[in-house]
Amino acid sequence: MRTSPRPAHPRKGWALLSALVAVLIVAALSAGLIRAILASHREIELQEHLAQADQLAESARIRVATQLQKTPNYTGEVWKPAASGGSAMQATITVTGTGASPQARVVCLVPADVPHPVRVERAWSWTPAPPPETPSP
């Protein structure tokens, strides 16, 4: 009976298989790391947009107070302030109950030019300060 000759290097196949497994492991780890980095980047961007929207809401509150002092019958506007950094911002201001007790509502969108912007809503009501008294002679 003949026996088949054994190869001189019987472990060549195992070395190739081990190398392929190592490459697959490194690729899987790299893909997981890239996913984690992208998720972290999206979270940071969301937090930045939320902070911008909060700042815009506060600016809109100040704008409402200023506009009501200038124009008592101010009813609101769609305010699109210029933004440094390229992202468009928008604040929709609605004022009701002008006169003795105005109420304002603002809806802020940051960035305003994307399908799903960060949305922040705020509402205020206040009693205007009485006019200063004139001193009596």
N, C-alpha and C. Protein backbone atom coordinates (compact mmCIF):
# COMPACT_ATOMS: atom_id res chain seq x y z
N MET A 1 0.81 -1.16 0.00
CA MET A 1 0.00 0.00 0.00
C MET A 1 0.87 1.24 0.00
N ARG A 2 0.43 2.13 -0.79
CA ARG A 2 1.19 3.36 -0.87
C ARG A 2 0.65 4.40 0.10
N THR A 3 1.51 5.10 0.65
CA THR A 3 1.10 6.22 1.50
C THR A 3 1.42 7.49 0.73
N SER A 4 0.53 8.45 0.88
CA SER A 4 0.76 9.71 0.16
C SER A 4 1.87 10.47 0.87
N PRO A 5 2.68 11.14 0.10
CA PRO A 5 3.78 11.87 0.71
C PRO A 5 3.25 13.04 1.52
N ARG A 6 3.85 13.26 2.63
CA ARG A 6 3.45 14.38 3.49
C ARG A 6 4.15 15.65 2.98
N PRO A 7 3.42 16.77 3.06
CA PRO A 7 4.06 18.00 2.63
C PRO A 7 5.19 18.38 3.57
N ALA A 8 6.15 19.07 3.01
CA ALA A 8 7.30 19.46 3.80
C ALA A 8 6.93 20.49 4.86
N HIS A 9 5.96 21.36 4.57
CA HIS A 9 5.52 22.40 5.52
C HIS A 9 4.02 22.24 5.75
N PRO A 10 3.63 21.35 6.63
CA PRO A 10 2.21 21.07 6.81
C PRO A 10 1.45 22.23 7.47
N ARG A 11 2.12 23.22 8.03
CA ARG A 11 1.42 24.29 8.77
C ARG A 11 1.22 25.56 7.95
N LYS A 12 1.51 25.55 6.67
CA LYS A 12 1.33 26.75 5.86
C LYS A 12 -0.14 27.17 5.82
N GLY A 13 -1.04 26.30 5.72
CA GLY A 13 -2.48 26.61 5.70
C GLY A 13 -2.94 27.23 7.01
N TRP A 14 -2.40 26.73 8.12
CA TRP A 14 -2.76 27.26 9.43
C TRP A 14 -2.25 28.69 9.61
N ALA A 15 -1.10 28.97 9.09
CA ALA A 15 -0.56 30.33 9.20
C ALA A 15 -1.43 31.32 8.42
N LEU A 16 -1.87 30.92 7.22
CA LEU A 16 -2.73 31.78 6.43
C LEU A 16 -4.08 31.98 7.12
N LEU A 17 -4.64 30.93 7.65
CA LEU A 17 -5.91 31.00 8.37
C LEU A 17 -5.79 31.89 9.60
N SER A 18 -4.70 31.76 10.33
CA SER A 18 -4.47 32.60 11.52
C SER A 18 -4.35 34.07 11.12
N ALA A 19 -3.67 34.34 10.02
CA ALA A 19 -3.52 35.72 9.56
C ALA A 19 -4.89 36.30 9.17
N LEU A 20 -5.72 35.52 8.49
CA LEU A 20 -7.05 35.99 8.11
C LEU A 20 -7.92 36.27 9.33
N VAL A 21 -7.86 35.40 10.33
CA VAL A 21 -8.62 35.60 11.56
C VAL A 21 -8.16 36.88 12.26
N ALA A 22 -6.85 37.09 12.30
CA ALA A 22 -6.32 38.30 12.94
C ALA A 22 -6.79 39.56 12.20
N VAL A 23 -6.79 39.52 10.87
CA VAL A 23 -7.25 40.66 10.08
C VAL A 23 -8.74 40.91 10.34
N LEU A 24 -9.54 39.86 10.43
CA LEU A 24 -10.97 40.01 10.71
C LEU A 24 -11.20 40.61 12.09
N ILE A 25 -10.43 40.20 13.07
CA ILE A 25 -10.57 40.74 14.43
C ILE A 25 -10.22 42.23 14.45
N VAL A 26 -9.12 42.59 13.80
CA VAL A 26 -8.72 43.99 13.75
C VAL A 26 -9.77 44.83 13.01
N ALA A 27 -10.32 44.30 11.93
CA ALA A 27 -11.35 45.02 11.17
C ALA A 27 -12.61 45.22 12.02
N ALA A 28 -13.02 44.20 12.76
CA ALA A 28 -14.20 44.32 13.61
C ALA A 28 -13.98 45.35 14.72
N LEU A 29 -12.81 45.32 15.34
CA LEU A 29 -12.50 46.30 16.38
C LEU A 29 -12.45 47.72 15.81
N SER A 30 -11.89 47.87 14.63
CA SER A 30 -11.82 49.19 13.99
C SER A 30 -13.22 49.71 13.66
N ALA A 31 -14.08 48.85 13.15
CA ALA A 31 -15.45 49.26 12.83
C ALA A 31 -16.19 49.70 14.09
N GLY A 32 -16.02 48.98 15.17
CA GLY A 32 -16.65 49.37 16.44
C GLY A 32 -16.13 50.70 16.94
N LEU A 33 -14.84 50.92 16.82
CA LEU A 33 -14.24 52.18 17.25
C LEU A 33 -14.75 53.35 16.40
N ILE A 34 -14.85 53.14 15.11
CA ILE A 34 -15.36 54.20 14.22
C ILE A 34 -16.81 54.53 14.56
N ARG A 35 -17.64 53.51 14.83
CA ARG A 35 -19.03 53.75 15.22
C ARG A 35 -19.10 54.56 16.51
N ALA A 36 -18.27 54.22 17.47
CA ALA A 36 -18.26 54.95 18.75
C ALA A 36 -17.83 56.41 18.56
N ILE A 37 -16.84 56.64 17.72
CA ILE A 37 -16.38 58.01 17.45
C ILE A 37 -17.47 58.82 16.76
N LEU A 38 -18.16 58.22 15.79
CA LEU A 38 -19.24 58.93 15.09
C LEU A 38 -20.40 59.25 16.03
N ALA A 39 -20.76 58.32 16.90
CA ALA A 39 -21.83 58.57 17.87
C ALA A 39 -21.44 59.69 18.82
N SER A 40 -20.20 59.70 19.25
CA SER A 40 -19.72 60.76 20.14
C SER A 40 -19.76 62.11 19.43
N HIS A 41 -19.36 62.13 18.18
CA HIS A 41 -19.37 63.38 17.40
C HIS A 41 -20.80 63.90 17.25
N ARG A 42 -21.75 63.01 16.96
CA ARG A 42 -23.15 63.42 16.83
C ARG A 42 -23.69 63.98 18.15
N GLU A 43 -23.33 63.37 19.27
CA GLU A 43 -23.77 63.84 20.58
C GLU A 43 -23.21 65.22 20.89
N ILE A 44 -21.94 65.44 20.58
CA ILE A 44 -21.32 66.75 20.81
C ILE A 44 -22.00 67.82 19.94
N GLU A 45 -22.27 67.48 18.69
CA GLU A 45 -22.93 68.42 17.78
C GLU A 45 -24.34 68.76 18.29
N LEU A 46 -25.06 67.75 18.78
CA LEU A 46 -26.40 67.98 19.33
C LEU A 46 -26.34 68.91 20.54
N GLN A 47 -25.37 68.69 21.43
CA GLN A 47 -25.23 69.55 22.61
C GLN A 47 -24.89 70.99 22.20
N GLU A 48 -24.06 71.15 21.18
CA GLU A 48 -23.73 72.50 20.69
C GLU A 48 -24.97 73.19 20.14
N HIS A 49 -25.78 72.48 19.36
CA HIS A 49 -26.99 73.06 18.80
C HIS A 49 -27.99 73.41 19.90
N LEU A 50 -28.07 72.57 20.92
CA LEU A 50 -28.98 72.86 22.04
C LEU A 50 -28.54 74.12 22.78
N ALA A 51 -27.24 74.27 23.00
CA ALA A 51 -26.73 75.48 23.67
C ALA A 51 -27.00 76.71 22.81
N GLN A 52 -26.83 76.59 21.49
CA GLN A 52 -27.11 77.72 20.59
C GLN A 52 -28.59 78.09 20.63
N ALA A 53 -29.46 77.07 20.65
CA ALA A 53 -30.90 77.33 20.68
C ALA A 53 -31.30 78.00 22.00
N ASP A 54 -30.70 77.60 23.11
CA ASP A 54 -30.96 78.25 24.40
C ASP A 54 -30.52 79.71 24.37
N GLN A 55 -29.34 79.96 23.81
CA GLN A 55 -28.85 81.34 23.69
C GLN A 55 -29.77 82.17 22.79
N LEU A 56 -30.24 81.57 21.71
CA LEU A 56 -31.15 82.27 20.81
C LEU A 56 -32.46 82.60 21.51
N ALA A 57 -32.99 81.68 22.32
CA ALA A 57 -34.22 81.94 23.06
C ALA A 57 -34.04 83.10 24.04
N GLU A 58 -32.91 83.15 24.71
CA GLU A 58 -32.63 84.26 25.63
C GLU A 58 -32.50 85.57 24.86
N SER A 59 -31.85 85.54 23.72
CA SER A 59 -31.73 86.74 22.89
C SER A 59 -33.10 87.19 22.39
N ALA A 60 -33.96 86.24 22.06
CA ALA A 60 -35.31 86.58 21.61
C ALA A 60 -36.11 87.23 22.74
N ARG A 61 -35.92 86.77 23.96
CA ARG A 61 -36.60 87.37 25.11
C ARG A 61 -36.19 88.84 25.25
N ILE A 62 -34.90 89.10 25.13
CA ILE A 62 -34.40 90.47 25.21
C ILE A 62 -34.94 91.29 24.03
N ARG A 63 -34.99 90.68 22.86
CA ARG A 63 -35.51 91.37 21.67
C ARG A 63 -36.98 91.75 21.86
N VAL A 64 -37.77 90.85 22.44
CA VAL A 64 -39.19 91.14 22.67
C VAL A 64 -39.32 92.34 23.60
N ALA A 65 -38.57 92.34 24.70
CA ALA A 65 -38.65 93.46 25.65
C ALA A 65 -38.27 94.78 24.98
N THR A 66 -37.22 94.75 24.18
CA THR A 66 -36.77 95.96 23.48
C THR A 66 -37.81 96.43 22.47
N GLN A 67 -38.36 95.49 21.70
CA GLN A 67 -39.35 95.85 20.68
C GLN A 67 -40.63 96.40 21.32
N LEU A 68 -41.03 95.83 22.47
CA LEU A 68 -42.24 96.32 23.14
C LEU A 68 -42.04 97.73 23.70
N GLN A 69 -40.81 98.05 24.09
CA GLN A 69 -40.54 99.41 24.55
C GLN A 69 -40.62 100.39 23.38
N LYS A 70 -40.12 99.98 22.22
CA LYS A 70 -40.14 100.85 21.04
C LYS A 70 -41.55 100.93 20.44
N THR A 71 -42.18 99.76 20.29
CA THR A 71 -43.47 99.66 19.64
C THR A 71 -44.42 98.88 20.54
N PRO A 72 -45.30 99.54 21.27
CA PRO A 72 -46.16 98.82 22.21
C PRO A 72 -47.10 97.80 21.56
N ASN A 73 -47.42 97.97 20.28
CA ASN A 73 -48.31 97.01 19.61
C ASN A 73 -47.54 95.94 18.83
N TYR A 74 -46.31 95.70 19.20
CA TYR A 74 -45.47 94.66 18.57
C TYR A 74 -46.11 93.30 18.80
N THR A 75 -46.31 92.52 17.72
CA THR A 75 -46.96 91.22 17.84
C THR A 75 -46.05 90.05 17.53
N GLY A 76 -44.82 90.33 17.15
CA GLY A 76 -43.88 89.24 16.90
C GLY A 76 -43.32 89.28 15.50
N GLU A 77 -42.51 88.26 15.21
CA GLU A 77 -41.83 88.20 13.92
C GLU A 77 -41.14 86.84 13.78
N VAL A 78 -40.66 86.58 12.59
CA VAL A 78 -39.74 85.46 12.36
C VAL A 78 -38.36 86.08 12.26
N TRP A 79 -37.56 85.84 13.28
CA TRP A 79 -36.25 86.48 13.40
C TRP A 79 -35.18 85.48 12.98
N LYS A 80 -34.36 85.87 12.02
CA LYS A 80 -33.27 85.02 11.53
C LYS A 80 -31.95 85.76 11.72
N PRO A 81 -31.39 85.69 12.93
CA PRO A 81 -30.14 86.42 13.17
C PRO A 81 -28.99 85.80 12.38
N ALA A 82 -28.04 86.65 12.04
CA ALA A 82 -26.85 86.17 11.35
C ALA A 82 -26.03 85.33 12.32
N ALA A 83 -25.61 84.17 11.87
CA ALA A 83 -24.86 83.26 12.74
C ALA A 83 -23.44 83.12 12.23
N SER A 84 -22.51 83.25 13.14
CA SER A 84 -21.12 82.98 12.75
C SER A 84 -20.93 81.47 12.82
N GLY A 85 -20.31 80.91 11.84
CA GLY A 85 -20.10 79.47 11.84
C GLY A 85 -20.93 78.77 10.79
N GLY A 86 -21.83 79.48 10.12
CA GLY A 86 -22.50 78.88 8.99
C GLY A 86 -23.86 78.28 9.24
N SER A 87 -24.23 77.90 10.46
CA SER A 87 -25.53 77.27 10.64
C SER A 87 -26.61 78.34 10.77
N ALA A 88 -27.69 78.17 10.04
CA ALA A 88 -28.79 79.13 10.06
C ALA A 88 -29.61 78.94 11.33
N MET A 89 -30.03 80.05 11.92
CA MET A 89 -30.86 80.00 13.12
C MET A 89 -32.15 80.77 12.85
N GLN A 90 -33.22 80.34 13.53
CA GLN A 90 -34.50 81.01 13.34
C GLN A 90 -35.25 81.02 14.66
N ALA A 91 -35.84 82.16 14.99
CA ALA A 91 -36.69 82.28 16.17
C ALA A 91 -38.03 82.86 15.73
N THR A 92 -39.10 82.10 15.95
CA THR A 92 -40.43 82.59 15.64
C THR A 92 -41.01 83.16 16.93
N ILE A 93 -41.21 84.47 16.94
CA ILE A 93 -41.67 85.18 18.14
C ILE A 93 -43.14 85.54 17.96
N THR A 94 -43.96 85.22 18.96
CA THR A 94 -45.37 85.57 18.96
C THR A 94 -45.67 86.30 20.25
N VAL A 95 -46.21 87.50 20.15
CA VAL A 95 -46.57 88.30 21.33
C VAL A 95 -48.08 88.48 21.33
N THR A 96 -48.71 88.17 22.46
CA THR A 96 -50.15 88.36 22.63
C THR A 96 -50.37 89.19 23.88
N GLY A 97 -51.56 89.74 23.98
CA GLY A 97 -51.89 90.51 25.18
C GLY A 97 -51.04 91.74 25.34
N THR A 98 -50.78 92.44 24.25
CA THR A 98 -49.96 93.64 24.36
C THR A 98 -50.67 94.66 25.25
N GLY A 99 -49.90 95.54 25.81
CA GLY A 99 -50.47 96.56 26.68
C GLY A 99 -50.12 96.27 28.12
N ALA A 100 -51.15 95.99 28.94
CA ALA A 100 -50.95 95.84 30.39
C ALA A 100 -50.16 94.59 30.76
N SER A 101 -50.43 93.47 30.12
CA SER A 101 -49.72 92.24 30.49
C SER A 101 -49.38 91.42 29.25
N PRO A 102 -48.33 91.79 28.56
CA PRO A 102 -47.97 91.04 27.35
C PRO A 102 -47.44 89.64 27.68
N GLN A 103 -47.67 88.74 26.76
CA GLN A 103 -47.14 87.38 26.86
C GLN A 103 -46.41 87.10 25.55
N ALA A 104 -45.29 86.44 25.67
CA ALA A 104 -44.50 86.13 24.47
C ALA A 104 -44.18 84.65 24.44
N ARG A 105 -44.14 84.13 23.24
CA ARG A 105 -43.75 82.73 23.02
C ARG A 105 -42.74 82.73 21.89
N VAL A 106 -41.67 81.97 22.07
CA VAL A 106 -40.65 81.89 21.03
C VAL A 106 -40.34 80.43 20.75
N VAL A 107 -40.20 80.10 19.48
CA VAL A 107 -39.80 78.77 19.05
C VAL A 107 -38.50 78.94 18.27
N CYS A 108 -37.43 78.35 18.78
CA CYS A 108 -36.10 78.48 18.17
C CYS A 108 -35.72 77.19 17.46
N LEU A 109 -35.18 77.32 16.26
CA LEU A 109 -34.70 76.18 15.48
C LEU A 109 -33.23 76.39 15.15
N VAL A 110 -32.41 75.39 15.51
CA VAL A 110 -30.96 75.45 15.24
C VAL A 110 -30.49 74.07 14.83
N PRO A 111 -29.84 73.89 13.71
CA PRO A 111 -29.83 74.79 12.57
C PRO A 111 -31.18 74.76 11.89
N ALA A 112 -31.60 75.88 11.34
CA ALA A 112 -32.95 76.00 10.77
C ALA A 112 -33.05 75.40 9.38
N ASP A 113 -31.93 75.11 8.74
CA ASP A 113 -31.95 74.67 7.35
C ASP A 113 -31.74 73.17 7.18
N VAL A 114 -32.07 72.38 8.20
CA VAL A 114 -31.96 70.92 8.10
C VAL A 114 -33.33 70.31 8.40
N PRO A 115 -33.58 69.06 7.98
CA PRO A 115 -34.89 68.46 8.20
C PRO A 115 -35.27 68.29 9.67
N HIS A 116 -34.31 68.01 10.55
CA HIS A 116 -34.62 67.77 11.96
C HIS A 116 -33.75 68.66 12.86
N PRO A 117 -34.10 69.95 12.96
CA PRO A 117 -33.28 70.84 13.79
C PRO A 117 -33.58 70.65 15.27
N VAL A 118 -32.70 71.17 16.10
CA VAL A 118 -32.96 71.23 17.54
C VAL A 118 -34.02 72.31 17.74
N ARG A 119 -35.05 71.98 18.51
CA ARG A 119 -36.17 72.92 18.72
C ARG A 119 -36.27 73.24 20.21
N VAL A 120 -36.26 74.53 20.52
CA VAL A 120 -36.40 74.99 21.90
C VAL A 120 -37.56 75.98 21.94
N GLU A 121 -38.48 75.77 22.88
CA GLU A 121 -39.62 76.68 23.04
C GLU A 121 -39.56 77.33 24.41
N ARG A 122 -39.89 78.60 24.46
CA ARG A 122 -39.94 79.34 25.72
C ARG A 122 -41.18 80.24 25.68
N ALA A 123 -41.74 80.50 26.85
CA ALA A 123 -42.88 81.42 26.96
C ALA A 123 -42.67 82.30 28.18
N TRP A 124 -43.05 83.57 28.06
CA TRP A 124 -42.91 84.53 29.16
C TRP A 124 -44.17 85.37 29.25
N SER A 125 -44.42 85.84 30.43
CA SER A 125 -45.43 86.88 30.63
C SER A 125 -44.90 87.80 31.71
N TRP A 126 -45.20 89.06 31.61
CA TRP A 126 -44.69 90.02 32.58
C TRP A 126 -45.59 91.23 32.62
N THR A 127 -45.43 91.98 33.66
CA THR A 127 -46.15 93.23 33.82
C THR A 127 -45.15 94.35 33.56
N PRO A 128 -45.43 95.19 32.60
CA PRO A 128 -44.50 96.27 32.32
C PRO A 128 -44.35 97.19 33.53
N ALA A 129 -43.19 97.75 33.67
CA ALA A 129 -42.93 98.68 34.78
C ALA A 129 -43.76 99.94 34.57
N PRO A 130 -44.29 100.48 35.66
CA PRO A 130 -45.06 101.73 35.51
C PRO A 130 -44.13 102.87 35.10
N PRO A 131 -44.68 103.87 34.45
CA PRO A 131 -43.83 105.00 34.05
C PRO A 131 -43.28 105.69 35.30
N PRO A 132 -42.10 106.26 35.19
CA PRO A 132 -41.52 106.92 36.36
C PRO A 132 -42.38 108.11 36.79
N GLU A 133 -42.44 108.28 38.10
CA GLU A 133 -43.24 109.39 38.64
C GLU A 133 -42.49 110.70 38.44
N THR A 134 -43.25 111.72 38.18
CA THR A 134 -42.62 113.04 38.06
C THR A 134 -42.62 113.69 39.44
N PRO A 135 -41.53 114.29 39.81
CA PRO A 135 -41.47 114.91 41.14
C PRO A 135 -42.45 116.09 41.22
N SER A 136 -43.10 116.20 42.35
CA SER A 136 -44.04 117.31 42.54
C SER A 136 -43.28 118.56 42.98
N PRO A 137 -43.73 119.70 42.49
CA PRO A 137 -43.00 120.95 42.80
C PRO A 137 -43.14 121.38 44.22
